[in-house]
C-alpha atoms as a PDB file:
ATOM      1  CA  MET A   1     109.608   0.554  25.065  1.00  0.00           C
ATOM      2  CA  LEU A   2     106.012   1.435  24.295  1.00  0.00           C
ATOM      3  CA  ASP A   3     105.157   5.131  24.125  1.00  0.00           C
ATOM      4  CA  VAL A   4     102.015   5.131  26.315  1.00  0.00           C
ATOM      5  CA  THR A   5     101.136   8.648  25.152  1.00  0.00           C
ATOM      6  CA  ALA A   6     101.034   7.427  21.560  1.00  0.00           C
ATOM      7  CA  ALA A   7      98.787   4.570  22.712  1.00  0.00           C
ATOM      8  CA  ASP A   8      96.004   6.886  23.890  1.00  0.00           C
ATOM      9  CA  PRO A   9      92.934   5.099  22.450  1.00  0.00           C
ATOM     10  CA  ASP A  10      91.229   8.193  21.054  1.00  0.00           C
ATOM     11  CA  ALA A  11      94.413   9.542  19.478  1.00  0.00           C
ATOM     12  CA  PHE A  12      95.216   6.106  18.099  1.00  0.00           C
ATOM     13  CA  PHE A  13      91.778   5.695  16.516  1.00  0.00           C
ATOM     14  CA  ALA A  14      92.045   9.152  14.949  1.00  0.00           C
ATOM     15  CA  SER A  15      95.430   8.240  13.446  1.00  0.00           C
ATOM     16  CA  TRP A  16      94.030   4.951  12.119  1.00  0.00           C
ATOM     17  CA  GLN A  17      91.073   6.765  10.564  1.00  0.00           C
ATOM     18  CA  ALA A  18      93.306   9.304   8.850  1.00  0.00           C
ATOM     19  CA  ALA A  19      95.528   6.537   7.506  1.00  0.00           C
ATOM     20  CA  ARG A  20      92.558   4.387   6.404  1.00  0.00           C
ATOM     21  CA  LEU A  21      91.052   7.199   4.355  1.00  0.00           C
ATOM     22  CA  THR A  22      94.247   7.482   2.311  1.00  0.00           C
ATOM     23  CA  ARG A  23      94.511   3.749   1.483  1.00  0.00           C
ATOM     24  CA  SER A  24      93.960   3.381  -2.249  1.00  0.00           C
ATOM     25  CA  ASP A  25      94.687  -0.367  -2.170  1.00  0.00           C
ATOM     26  CA  LEU A  26      91.600  -1.102  -0.063  1.00  0.00           C
ATOM     27  CA  LYS A  27      87.898  -0.635  -0.703  1.00  0.00           C
ATOM     28  CA  SER A  28      86.971   2.951   0.140  1.00  0.00           C
ATOM     29  CA  MET A  29      85.314   3.452   3.527  1.00  0.00           C
ATOM     30  CA  GLY A  30      82.520   5.989   3.812  1.00  0.00           C
ATOM     31  CA  ALA A  31      80.958   7.672   6.802  1.00  0.00           C
ATOM     32  CA  ALA A  32      78.857   4.609   7.672  1.00  0.00           C
ATOM     33  CA  GLY A  33      81.923   2.359   7.700  1.00  0.00           C
ATOM     34  CA  LEU A  34      83.881   4.751   9.895  1.00  0.00           C
ATOM     35  CA  THR A  35      80.941   5.025  12.290  1.00  0.00           C
ATOM     36  CA  GLN A  36      80.762   1.237  12.498  1.00  0.00           C
ATOM     37  CA  ALA A  37      84.522   1.037  13.170  1.00  0.00           C
ATOM     38  CA  SER A  38      84.209   3.648  15.923  1.00  0.00           C
ATOM     39  CA  LEU A  39      81.406   1.635  17.520  1.00  0.00           C
ATOM     40  CA  VAL A  40      83.463  -1.562  17.451  1.00  0.00           C
ATOM     41  CA  TRP A  41      86.459   0.257  18.943  1.00  0.00           C
ATOM     42  CA  ARG A  42      84.374   1.677  21.802  1.00  0.00           C
ATOM     43  CA  HIS A  43      82.898  -1.737  22.556  1.00  0.00           C
ATOM     44  CA  TRP A  44      86.367  -3.266  22.500  1.00  0.00           C
ATOM     45  CA  LEU A  45      87.782  -0.633  24.862  1.00  0.00           C
ATOM     46  CA  ALA A  46      84.875  -1.224  27.251  1.00  0.00           C
ATOM     47  CA  PHE A  47      85.568  -4.964  27.136  1.00  0.00           C
ATOM     48  CA  CYS A  48      89.253  -4.359  27.881  1.00  0.00           C
ATOM     49  CA  THR A  49      88.366  -2.131  30.838  1.00  0.00           C
ATOM     50  CA  VAL A  50      86.022  -4.730  32.337  1.00  0.00           C
ATOM     51  CA  HIS A  51      88.680  -7.429  32.008  1.00  0.00           C
ATOM     52  CA  GLY A  52      91.555  -5.254  33.193  1.00  0.00           C
ATOM     53  CA  VAL A  53      93.497  -5.413  29.917  1.00  0.00           C
ATOM     54  CA  ALA A  54      95.229  -2.476  28.255  1.00  0.00           C
ATOM     55  CA  TRP A  55      94.212  -2.452  24.599  1.00  0.00           C
ATOM     56  CA  TYR A  56      97.853  -2.444  23.456  1.00  0.00           C
ATOM     57  CA  GLU A  57      98.590  -5.519  25.635  1.00  0.00           C
ATOM     58  CA  ALA A  58      95.621  -7.606  24.463  1.00  0.00           C
ATOM     59  CA  GLN A  59      96.193 -11.184  23.352  1.00  0.00           C
ATOM     60  CA  SER A  60      94.464 -13.323  20.742  1.00  0.00           C
ATOM     61  CA  ALA A  61      92.454 -15.025  23.491  1.00  0.00           C
ATOM     62  CA  ASP A  62      91.064 -11.647  24.564  1.00  0.00           C
ATOM     63  CA  ILE A  63      89.851 -10.830  21.074  1.00  0.00           C
ATOM     64  CA  ALA A  64      88.377 -14.313  20.681  1.00  0.00           C
ATOM     65  CA  ARG A  65      86.436 -13.863  23.955  1.00  0.00           C
ATOM     66  CA  PHE A  66      85.274 -10.419  22.817  1.00  0.00           C
ATOM     67  CA  CYS A  67      83.944 -11.735  19.483  1.00  0.00           C
ATOM     68  CA  GLN A  68      82.189 -14.595  21.237  1.00  0.00           C
ATOM     69  CA  ALA A  69      80.574 -12.194  23.719  1.00  0.00           C
ATOM     70  CA  ILE A  70      79.040  -9.914  21.082  1.00  0.00           C
ATOM     71  CA  GLY A  71      75.333  -9.770  21.810  1.00  0.00           C
ATOM     72  CA  PRO A  72      72.503  -9.616  19.259  1.00  0.00           C
ATOM     73  CA  ARG A  73      70.569  -6.416  18.644  1.00  0.00           C
ATOM     74  CA  SER A  74      67.347  -8.121  19.648  1.00  0.00           C
ATOM     75  CA  SER A  75      66.756 -10.535  22.514  1.00  0.00           C
ATOM     76  CA  LEU A  76      64.768 -12.670  20.079  1.00  0.00           C
ATOM     77  CA  LYS A  77      67.745 -13.224  17.788  1.00  0.00           C
ATOM     78  CA  LYS A  78      71.191 -14.777  17.896  1.00  0.00           C
ATOM     79  CA  THR A  79      74.402 -13.018  16.965  1.00  0.00           C
ATOM     80  CA  SER A  80      75.228 -14.089  13.424  1.00  0.00           C
ATOM     81  CA  PRO A  81      78.685 -15.328  12.377  1.00  0.00           C
ATOM     82  CA  VAL A  82      78.713 -12.463   9.871  1.00  0.00           C
ATOM     83  CA  THR A  83      78.488  -9.926  12.713  1.00  0.00           C
ATOM     84  CA  ARG A  84      81.279 -11.601  14.662  1.00  0.00           C
ATOM     85  CA  ARG A  85      83.553 -11.554  11.618  1.00  0.00           C
ATOM     86  CA  ARG A  86      82.704  -7.913  10.919  1.00  0.00           C
ATOM     87  CA  TYR A  87      83.833  -6.933  14.422  1.00  0.00           C
ATOM     88  CA  TRP A  88      86.940  -9.065  14.078  1.00  0.00           C
ATOM     89  CA  ARG A  89      87.881  -7.519  10.724  1.00  0.00           C
ATOM     90  CA  VAL A  90      87.711  -4.021  12.237  1.00  0.00           C
ATOM     91  CA  LEU A  91      90.000  -5.032  15.106  1.00  0.00           C
ATOM     92  CA  ARG A  92      92.389  -6.772  12.731  1.00  0.00           C
ATOM     93  CA  ASP A  93      92.652  -3.587  10.680  1.00  0.00           C
ATOM     94  CA  LEU A  94      93.139  -1.423  13.752  1.00  0.00           C
ATOM     95  CA  TYR A  95      95.850  -3.644  15.174  1.00  0.00           C
ATOM     96  CA  ALA A  96      97.574  -3.799  11.794  1.00  0.00           C
ATOM     97  CA  HIS A  97      97.872  -0.028  12.073  1.00  0.00           C
ATOM     98  CA  ALA A  98      99.134  -0.369  15.651  1.00  0.00           C
ATOM     99  CA  LEU A  99     101.723  -2.881  14.463  1.00  0.00           C
ATOM    100  CA  ALA A 100     102.891  -0.528  11.721  1.00  0.00           C
ATOM    101  CA  ARG A 101     103.311   2.212  14.324  1.00  0.00           C
ATOM    102  CA  ARG A 102     105.163  -0.214  16.616  1.00  0.00           C
ATOM    103  CA  LEU A 103     102.591   0.143  19.360  1.00  0.00           C
ATOM    104  CA  VAL A 104     102.245  -3.652  19.531  1.00  0.00           C
ATOM    105  CA  ALA A 105     104.696  -6.459  18.817  1.00  0.00           C
ATOM    106  CA  VAL A 106     102.155  -8.681  17.013  1.00  0.00           C
ATOM    107  CA  ASN A 107      98.625  -8.331  15.681  1.00  0.00           C
ATOM    108  CA  PRO A 108      96.528 -10.266  18.241  1.00  0.00           C
ATOM    109  CA  ALA A 109      93.552 -10.432  15.872  1.00  0.00           C
ATOM    110  CA  GLU A 110      95.458 -12.676  13.474  1.00  0.00           C
ATOM    111  CA  GLY A 111      95.204 -15.556  15.916  1.00  0.00           C
ATOM    112  CA  ALA A 112      91.556 -15.015  16.791  1.00  0.00           C
ATOM    113  CA  GLN A 113      89.734 -15.311  13.486  1.00  0.00           C
ATOM    114  CA  PRO A 114      86.111 -16.473  13.995  1.00  0.00           C
ATOM    115  CA  PRO A 115      84.932 -19.526  12.034  1.00  0.00           C
ATOM    116  CA  ALA A 116      84.273 -18.825   8.382  1.00  0.00           C
ATOM    117  CA  THR A 117      80.634 -18.490   7.428  1.00  0.00           C
ATOM    118  CA  GLU A 118      79.166 -20.720   4.776  1.00  0.00           C
ATOM    119  CA  ARG A 119      79.351 -19.068   1.381  1.00  0.00           C
ATOM    120  CA  VAL A 120      75.755 -19.125   0.171  1.00  0.00           C
ATOM    121  CA  PRO A 121      75.403 -19.453  -3.594  1.00  0.00           C
ATOM    122  CA  SER A 122      73.635 -16.588  -5.294  1.00  0.00           C
ATOM    123  CA  LEU A 123      70.170 -17.331  -6.625  1.00  0.00           C
ATOM    124  CA  ALA A 124      69.663 -17.142 -10.386  1.00  0.00           C
ATOM    125  CA  LEU A 125      66.956 -18.420 -12.721  1.00  0.00           C
ATOM    126  CA  SER A 126      67.028 -21.273 -15.197  1.00  0.00           C
ATOM    127  CA  LEU A 127      66.785 -20.557 -18.931  1.00  0.00           C
ATOM    128  CA  PRO A 128      63.074 -21.536 -19.205  1.00  0.00           C
ATOM    129  CA  MET A 129      62.222 -19.222 -16.299  1.00  0.00           C
ATOM    130  CA  TRP A 130      64.348 -16.409 -17.716  1.00  0.00           C
ATOM    131  CA  THR A 131      62.658 -16.796 -21.103  1.00  0.00           C
ATOM    132  CA  ALA A 132      59.232 -16.703 -19.454  1.00  0.00           C
ATOM    133  CA  LEU A 133      60.116 -13.454 -17.680  1.00  0.00           C
ATOM    134  CA  HIS A 134      61.207 -11.797 -20.929  1.00  0.00           C
ATOM    135  CA  GLU A 135      58.113 -12.944 -22.803  1.00  0.00           C
ATOM    136  CA  GLY A 136      55.961 -11.752 -19.914  1.00  0.00           C
ATOM    137  CA  LEU A 137      57.232  -8.186 -20.331  1.00  0.00           C
ATOM    138  CA  TYR A 138      54.899  -7.873 -23.312  1.00  0.00           C
ATOM    139  CA  GLU A 139      52.455 -10.797 -23.351  1.00  0.00           C
ATOM    140  CA  GLY A 140      49.657  -9.933 -20.955  1.00  0.00           C
ATOM    141  CA  PHE A 141      51.743  -7.355 -19.113  1.00  0.00           C
ATOM    142  CA  PRO A 142      49.465  -5.630 -16.539  1.00  0.00           C
ATOM    143  CA  GLY A 143      48.342  -2.208 -17.737  1.00  0.00           C
ATOM    144  CA  GLY A 144      49.404  -2.817 -21.312  1.00  0.00           C
ATOM    145  CA  ASP A 145      51.101   0.438 -22.251  1.00  0.00           C
ATOM    146  CA  ASP A 146      49.855   2.888 -19.628  1.00  0.00           C
ATOM    147  CA  PHE A 147      51.912   5.001 -17.202  1.00  0.00           C
ATOM    148  CA  LYS A 148      52.596   2.278 -14.619  1.00  0.00           C
ATOM    149  CA  ALA A 149      53.168  -0.408 -17.233  1.00  0.00           C
ATOM    150  CA  ARG A 150      55.850   1.658 -18.959  1.00  0.00           C
ATOM    151  CA  ARG A 151      57.506   2.466 -15.638  1.00  0.00           C
ATOM    152  CA  ASN A 152      57.396  -1.138 -14.421  1.00  0.00           C
ATOM    153  CA  ARG A 153      58.666  -2.540 -17.720  1.00  0.00           C
ATOM    154  CA  LEU A 154      61.625  -0.154 -17.693  1.00  0.00           C
ATOM    155  CA  ALA A 155      62.469  -0.990 -14.075  1.00  0.00           C
ATOM    156  CA  LEU A 156      62.422  -4.713 -14.831  1.00  0.00           C
ATOM    157  CA  LEU A 157      64.595  -4.313 -17.924  1.00  0.00           C
ATOM    158  CA  LEU A 158      67.140  -2.262 -15.978  1.00  0.00           C
ATOM    159  CA  MET A 159      67.410  -5.213 -13.582  1.00  0.00           C
ATOM    160  CA  MET A 160      67.263  -7.936 -16.230  1.00  0.00           C
ATOM    161  CA  ARG A 161      69.398  -6.442 -19.018  1.00  0.00           C
ATOM    162  CA  ALA A 162      71.573  -3.821 -17.295  1.00  0.00           C
ATOM    163  CA  ALA A 163      71.994  -5.622 -13.935  1.00  0.00           C
ATOM    164  CA  LEU A 164      71.253  -2.479 -11.925  1.00  0.00           C
ATOM    165  CA  THR A 165      70.544  -2.689  -8.203  1.00  0.00           C
ATOM    166  CA  VAL A 166      67.443  -1.202  -6.607  1.00  0.00           C
ATOM    167  CA  ARG A 167      69.455   1.643  -5.080  1.00  0.00           C
ATOM    168  CA  GLU A 168      71.092   2.405  -8.429  1.00  0.00           C
ATOM    169  CA  ILE A 169      67.716   2.565 -10.179  1.00  0.00           C
ATOM    170  CA  ILE A 170      66.340   4.882  -7.508  1.00  0.00           C
ATOM    171  CA  GLY A 171      69.456   7.054  -7.802  1.00  0.00           C
ATOM    172  CA  LEU A 172      69.058   7.628 -11.538  1.00  0.00           C
ATOM    173  CA  THR A 173      68.132  11.180 -12.553  1.00  0.00           C
ATOM    174  CA  LEU A 174      66.883  12.554 -15.850  1.00  0.00           C
ATOM    175  CA  ASP A 175      70.339  13.783 -16.807  1.00  0.00           C
ATOM    176  CA  CYS A 176      71.688  10.225 -16.421  1.00  0.00           C
ATOM    177  CA  ALA A 177      69.899   9.194 -19.631  1.00  0.00           C
ATOM    178  CA  GLN A 178      71.657  10.272 -22.807  1.00  0.00           C
ATOM    179  CA  ILE A 179      70.923   9.449 -26.443  1.00  0.00           C
ATOM    180  CA  CYS A 180      73.909   7.874 -28.172  1.00  0.00           C
ATOM    181  CA  ALA A 181      73.563  10.052 -31.259  1.00  0.00           C
ATOM    182  CA  SER A 182      77.040   9.090 -32.458  1.00  0.00           C
ATOM    183  CA  LEU A 183      76.161   5.428 -32.899  1.00  0.00           C
ATOM    184  CA  PRO A 184      75.623   4.338 -36.524  1.00  0.00           C
ATOM    185  CA  GLU A 185      72.456   2.417 -35.535  1.00  0.00           C
ATOM    186  CA  VAL A 186      70.716   5.687 -34.711  1.00  0.00           C
ATOM    187  CA  SER A 187      69.371   7.219 -37.889  1.00  0.00           C
ATOM    188  CA  ALA A 188      66.586   9.658 -38.626  1.00  0.00           C
ATOM    189  CA  GLY A 189      63.246   8.235 -37.594  1.00  0.00           C
ATOM    190  CA  ALA A 190      64.789   5.159 -35.933  1.00  0.00           C
ATOM    191  CA  ASP A 191      64.371   4.259 -32.287  1.00  0.00           C
ATOM    192  CA  PRO A 192      67.150   5.985 -30.351  1.00  0.00           C
ATOM    193  CA  LEU A 193      69.737   4.068 -28.376  1.00  0.00           C
ATOM    194  CA  TYR A 194      70.458   5.355 -24.890  1.00  0.00           C
ATOM    195  CA  ALA A 195      73.317   5.187 -22.458  1.00  0.00           C
ATOM    196  CA  LEU A 196      72.990   5.615 -18.698  1.00  0.00           C
ATOM    197  CA  ARG A 197      75.432   7.286 -16.342  1.00  0.00           C
ATOM    198  CA  VAL A 198      75.176   5.175 -13.213  1.00  0.00           C
ATOM    199  CA  ARG A 199      76.426   6.311  -9.843  1.00  0.00           C
ATOM    200  CA  LYS A 200      77.256   3.383  -7.616  1.00  0.00           C
ATOM    201  CA  ALA A 201      75.076   3.333  -4.507  1.00  0.00           C
ATOM    202  CA  GLY A 202      76.987   4.595  -1.485  1.00  0.00           C
ATOM    203  CA  GLY A 203      79.505   6.526  -3.582  1.00  0.00           C
ATOM    204  CA  GLY A 204      82.308   5.368  -5.833  1.00  0.00           C
ATOM    205  CA  HIS A 205      83.085   5.848  -9.487  1.00  0.00           C
ATOM    206  CA  GLU A 206      80.448   6.678 -12.075  1.00  0.00           C
ATOM    207  CA  ARG A 207      80.133   4.284 -14.986  1.00  0.00           C
ATOM    208  CA  VAL A 208      78.453   4.596 -18.382  1.00  0.00           C
ATOM    209  CA  LEU A 209      76.236   1.746 -19.571  1.00  0.00           C
ATOM    210  CA  PRO A 210      75.096   1.622 -23.209  1.00  0.00           C
ATOM    211  CA  LEU A 211      71.579   0.158 -23.242  1.00  0.00           C
ATOM    212  CA  ASP A 212      70.447  -2.415 -25.785  1.00  0.00           C
ATOM    213  CA  LEU A 213      67.613  -1.648 -28.183  1.00  0.00           C
ATOM    214  CA  GLU A 214      64.895  -3.276 -26.069  1.00  0.00           C
ATOM    215  CA  THR A 215      65.821  -1.361 -22.924  1.00  0.00           C
ATOM    216  CA  SER A 216      66.324   1.854 -24.915  1.00  0.00           C
ATOM    217  CA  ARG A 217      62.816   1.546 -26.343  1.00  0.00           C
ATOM    218  CA  ALA A 218      61.395   1.033 -22.858  1.00  0.00           C
ATOM    219  CA  LEU A 219      63.288   4.085 -21.580  1.00  0.00           C
ATOM    220  CA  HIS A 220      62.101   6.198 -24.528  1.00  0.00           C
ATOM    221  CA  ALA A 221      58.499   5.082 -23.972  1.00  0.00           C
ATOM    222  CA  TRP A 222      58.757   5.945 -20.284  1.00  0.00           C
ATOM    223  CA  LEU A 223      60.168   9.400 -20.946  1.00  0.00           C
ATOM    224  CA  GLU A 224      57.120  10.149 -23.086  1.00  0.00           C
ATOM    225  CA  VAL A 225      54.820   9.838 -20.063  1.00  0.00           C
ATOM    226  CA  ARG A 226      57.084  10.586 -17.108  1.00  0.00           C
ATOM    227  CA  PRO A 227      56.078  13.781 -15.266  1.00  0.00           C
ATOM    228  CA  VAL A 228      58.697  16.462 -15.785  1.00  0.00           C
ATOM    229  CA  GLY A 229      57.190  19.241 -13.668  1.00  0.00           C
ATOM    230  CA  LEU A 230      57.327  20.043  -9.973  1.00  0.00           C
ATOM    231  CA  PRO A 231      61.101  20.645  -9.836  1.00  0.00           C
ATOM    232  CA  ALA A 232      60.804  22.603  -6.586  1.00  0.00           C
ATOM    233  CA  LEU A 233      59.047  19.707  -4.860  1.00  0.00           C
ATOM    234  CA  HIS A 234      61.317  17.059  -6.311  1.00  0.00           C
ATOM    235  CA  PRO A 235      64.958  18.166  -6.493  1.00  0.00           C
ATOM    236  CA  GLY A 236      67.158  15.803  -8.416  1.00  0.00           C
ATOM    237  CA  SER A 237      64.472  15.008 -10.998  1.00  0.00           C
ATOM    238  CA  ARG A 238      64.455  11.257 -10.477  1.00  0.00           C
ATOM    239  CA  LEU A 239      64.257   9.231 -13.669  1.00  0.00           C
ATOM    240  CA  VAL A 240      62.020   6.511 -12.204  1.00  0.00           C
ATOM    241  CA  VAL A 241      59.198   7.946 -10.094  1.00  0.00           C
ATOM    242  CA  GLY A 242      56.435   6.391  -8.071  1.00  0.00           C
ATOM    243  CA  ASP A 243      53.363   8.193  -9.362  1.00  0.00           C
ATOM    244  CA  ARG A 244      52.036  10.797 -11.784  1.00  0.00           C
ATOM    245  CA  ILE A 245      52.889  13.741  -9.539  1.00  0.00           C
ATOM    246  CA  GLY A 246      56.545  12.779  -9.498  1.00  0.00           C
ATOM    247  CA  ARG A 247      57.046  11.370  -6.016  1.00  0.00           C
ATOM    248  CA  SER A 248      60.050   9.069  -5.683  1.00  0.00           C
ATOM    249  CA  ILE A 249      59.609   5.316  -5.735  1.00  0.00           C
ATOM    250  CA  ALA A 250      60.611   3.388  -2.610  1.00  0.00           C
ATOM    251  CA  PRO A 251      62.842   0.279  -2.615  1.00  0.00           C
ATOM    252  CA  ASN A 252      59.915  -1.926  -1.603  1.00  0.00           C
ATOM    253  CA  GLY A 253      58.004  -0.519  -4.579  1.00  0.00           C
ATOM    254  CA  LEU A 254      60.631  -1.901  -6.973  1.00  0.00           C
ATOM    255  CA  TYR A 255      60.752  -5.157  -5.018  1.00  0.00           C
ATOM    256  CA  ASN A 256      56.977  -5.534  -5.339  1.00  0.00           C
ATOM    257  CA  ILE A 257      57.154  -4.879  -9.097  1.00  0.00           C
ATOM    258  CA  CYS A 258      59.759  -7.622  -9.391  1.00  0.00           C
ATOM    259  CA  GLN A 259      57.867 -10.103  -7.194  1.00  0.00           C
ATOM    260  CA  ALA A 260      54.607  -9.558  -9.059  1.00  0.00           C
ATOM    261  CA  HIS A 261      56.304 -10.169 -12.419  1.00  0.00           C
ATOM    262  CA  LEU A 262      58.057 -13.313 -11.184  1.00  0.00           C
ATOM    263  CA  ALA A 263      54.869 -14.757  -9.727  1.00  0.00           C
ATOM    264  CA  ARG A 264      52.724 -13.982 -12.777  1.00  0.00           C
ATOM    265  CA  CYS A 265      55.181 -15.336 -15.359  1.00  0.00           C
ATOM    266  CA  LEU A 266      56.210 -18.478 -13.493  1.00  0.00           C
ATOM    267  CA  VAL A 267      52.636 -19.386 -12.635  1.00  0.00           C
ATOM    268  CA  GLU A 268      51.349 -18.730 -16.155  1.00  0.00           C
ATOM    269  CA  LYS A 269      54.102 -20.852 -17.691  1.00  0.00           C
ATOM    270  CA  GLY A 270      53.644 -23.628 -15.120  1.00  0.00           C
ATOM    271  CA  LEU A 271      57.223 -23.403 -13.875  1.00  0.00           C
ATOM    272  CA  LEU A 272      56.531 -23.874 -10.173  1.00  0.00           C
ATOM    273  CA  ALA A 273      57.266 -27.316  -8.772  1.00  0.00           C
ATOM    274  CA  GLU A 274      53.667 -27.915  -7.699  1.00  0.00           C
ATOM    275  CA  GLN A 275      52.562 -27.392 -11.291  1.00  0.00           C
ATOM    276  CA  ALA A 276      55.487 -29.103 -13.016  1.00  0.00           C
ATOM    277  CA  PRO A 277      57.020 -32.014 -11.077  1.00  0.00           C
ATOM    278  CA  HIS A 278      60.262 -31.785 -13.055  1.00  0.00           C
ATOM    279  CA  ALA A 279      60.748 -28.063 -12.485  1.00  0.00           C
ATOM    280  CA  THR A 280      63.556 -27.080 -10.127  1.00  0.00           C
ATOM    281  CA  LEU A 281      61.771 -24.214  -8.366  1.00  0.00           C
ATOM    282  CA  ASP A 282      59.828 -24.926  -5.217  1.00  0.00           C
ATOM    283  CA  PRO A 283      56.856 -22.573  -4.653  1.00  0.00           C
ATOM    284  CA  GLY A 284      58.360 -21.465  -1.344  1.00  0.00           C
ATOM    285  CA  ALA A 285      61.503 -20.261  -3.141  1.00  0.00           C
ATOM    286  CA  LEU A 286      59.494 -17.542  -4.848  1.00  0.00           C
ATOM    287  CA  ALA A 287      59.391 -15.550  -1.597  1.00  0.00           C
ATOM    288  CA  HIS A 288      63.203 -15.343  -1.624  1.00  0.00           C
ATOM    289  CA  MET A 289      63.370 -13.978  -5.152  1.00  0.00           C
ATOM    290  CA  GLY A 290      63.632 -10.309  -5.972  1.00  0.00           C
ATOM    291  CA  PRO A 291      65.682  -7.737  -7.876  1.00  0.00           C
ATOM    292  CA  ASN A 292      68.972  -9.424  -6.952  1.00  0.00           C
ATOM    293  CA  THR A 293      67.755 -12.637  -8.564  1.00  0.00           C
ATOM    294  CA  LEU A 294      67.204 -10.804 -11.851  1.00  0.00           C
ATOM    295  CA  ARG A 295      70.568  -9.043 -11.542  1.00  0.00           C
ATOM    296  CA  ASN A 296      72.371 -12.326 -10.803  1.00  0.00           C
ATOM    297  CA  THR A 297      70.758 -14.057 -13.780  1.00  0.00           C
ATOM    298  CA  CYS A 298      71.729 -11.180 -16.057  1.00  0.00           C
ATOM    299  CA  ILE A 299      75.362 -11.298 -14.881  1.00  0.00           C
ATOM    300  CA  ALA A 300      75.535 -15.082 -15.279  1.00  0.00           C
ATOM    301  CA  GLY A 301      74.101 -14.690 -18.790  1.00  0.00           C
ATOM    302  CA  TRP A 302      76.820 -12.199 -19.732  1.00  0.00           C
ATOM    303  CA  PHE A 303      79.502 -14.529 -18.457  1.00  0.00           C
ATOM    304  CA  ASN A 304      78.049 -17.543 -20.289  1.00  0.00           C
ATOM    305  CA  ALA A 305      77.788 -15.490 -23.488  1.00  0.00           C
ATOM    306  CA  GLY A 306      81.535 -14.836 -23.394  1.00  0.00           C
ATOM    307  CA  VAL A 307      81.543 -11.234 -22.189  1.00  0.00           C
ATOM    308  CA  PRO A 308      85.065 -10.631 -20.780  1.00  0.00           C
ATOM    309  CA  LEU A 309      85.277 -10.669 -17.006  1.00  0.00           C
ATOM    310  CA  GLN A 310      86.744  -7.166 -16.851  1.00  0.00           C
ATOM    311  CA  GLU A 311      83.836  -5.815 -18.910  1.00  0.00           C
ATOM    312  CA  ILE A 312      81.302  -7.486 -16.595  1.00  0.00           C
ATOM    313  CA  GLN A 313      83.164  -6.024 -13.641  1.00  0.00           C
ATOM    314  CA  ARG A 314      82.945  -2.572 -15.232  1.00  0.00           C
ATOM    315  CA  ARG A 315      79.256  -2.874 -16.062  1.00  0.00           C
ATOM    316  CA  CYS A 316      78.402  -3.928 -12.504  1.00  0.00           C
ATOM    317  CA  GLY A 317      80.736  -1.524 -10.754  1.00  0.00           C
ATOM    318  CA  PHE A 318      82.511  -4.389  -8.950  1.00  0.00           C
ATOM    319  CA  LYS A 319      85.841  -3.382  -7.432  1.00  0.00           C
ATOM    320  CA  ASP A 320      86.577  -7.068  -6.906  1.00  0.00           C
ATOM    321  CA  ALA A 321      85.099  -9.438  -9.484  1.00  0.00           C
ATOM    322  CA  SER A 322      85.478 -12.403  -7.120  1.00  0.00           C
ATOM    323  CA  VAL A 323      81.984 -11.614  -5.784  1.00  0.00           C
ATOM    324  CA  MET A 324      80.780 -13.334  -8.947  1.00  0.00           C
ATOM    325  CA  SER A 325      82.165 -16.634  -7.695  1.00  0.00           C
ATOM    326  CA  ARG A 326      78.865 -17.143  -5.854  1.00  0.00           C
ATOM    327  CA  LEU A 327      77.246 -17.597  -9.262  1.00  0.00           C
ATOM    328  CA  GLY A 328      79.333 -20.717  -9.879  1.00  0.00           C
ATOM    329  CA  ALA A 329      76.356 -23.078 -10.119  1.00  0.00           C
ATOM    330  CA  HIS A 330      74.869 -20.952 -12.899  1.00  0.00           C
ATOM    331  CA  LEU A 331      78.000 -20.599 -15.054  1.00  0.00           C
ATOM    332  CA  VAL A 332      78.777 -22.822 -18.032  1.00  0.00           C
ATOM    333  CA  ASN A 333      82.507 -22.650 -17.281  1.00  0.00           C
ATOM    334  CA  SER A 334      84.184 -22.439 -13.885  1.00  0.00           C
ATOM    335  CA  PHE A 335      84.717 -18.947 -12.543  1.00  0.00           C
ATOM    336  CA  PRO A 336      88.433 -18.004 -12.947  1.00  0.00           C
ATOM    337  CA  LEU A 337      89.397 -17.395  -9.320  1.00  0.00           C
END
């Protein structure tokens, strides 16, 4: 017999939340994830009330109707399959907890899974394009070696050779950059090699990334001109800043740096389809390229160069390396699922 007191929706959600926060076998859920789950639960309870169904007596058909009825945020848009599956995953997790507590006999969400969305391959660049982008970091680079040029070159190298995301670059602080004085390559008078302590955006474990010589040189050159004052106005002392007075750089600022470099290099080298009939890149595709394109190409390059999968996973901060399977079209060998 069901204990109706134990099935109080607010008490049940609180017990699920407490249990979810202790699950080490699942991806950690932060405040944003818990807020989203609470929103889904409230919407689901409202749906059950309208249809005269107790949440602990709901059937698969009820959950299927709920997912189908999810409205878009804007009247000008349609509800995406991704949104429907996100709502469904929350309910599946909640009812799994209810099943474990014997509040339900079966998990009704298991029989109501929305259609799978098409897995879109990740965009990465061909070798000629990638080569053009590297050459363009020095040949005719806008600004030559001034303040913005050094900053922009470093930002691009962190995307292209360290596979950092925009949020990770913005989150870097001065104390994240450390000279690897213990490495034998670093001798008196030689260019120093750096390592970065990277905090994964949104929380998670910190990882240390040794930088190659090219990226280390760019970092060293940037530190020579980066403003170090104004600590009271700029707590955190961001490593990459937006201007000479130390204001932080916005995500769209890094995106614009990336877009400008892509456009300049690909146009100069004649790698757009309208300039080179045999090129694979259509001019319209350029608008869809950005920092993730550089990151994806870097990751695919590591894999093709024989870097072990676990090491790539560590460098990127991936909890589940299967996210790399979207790079399949850009890998020399099949991704080991």
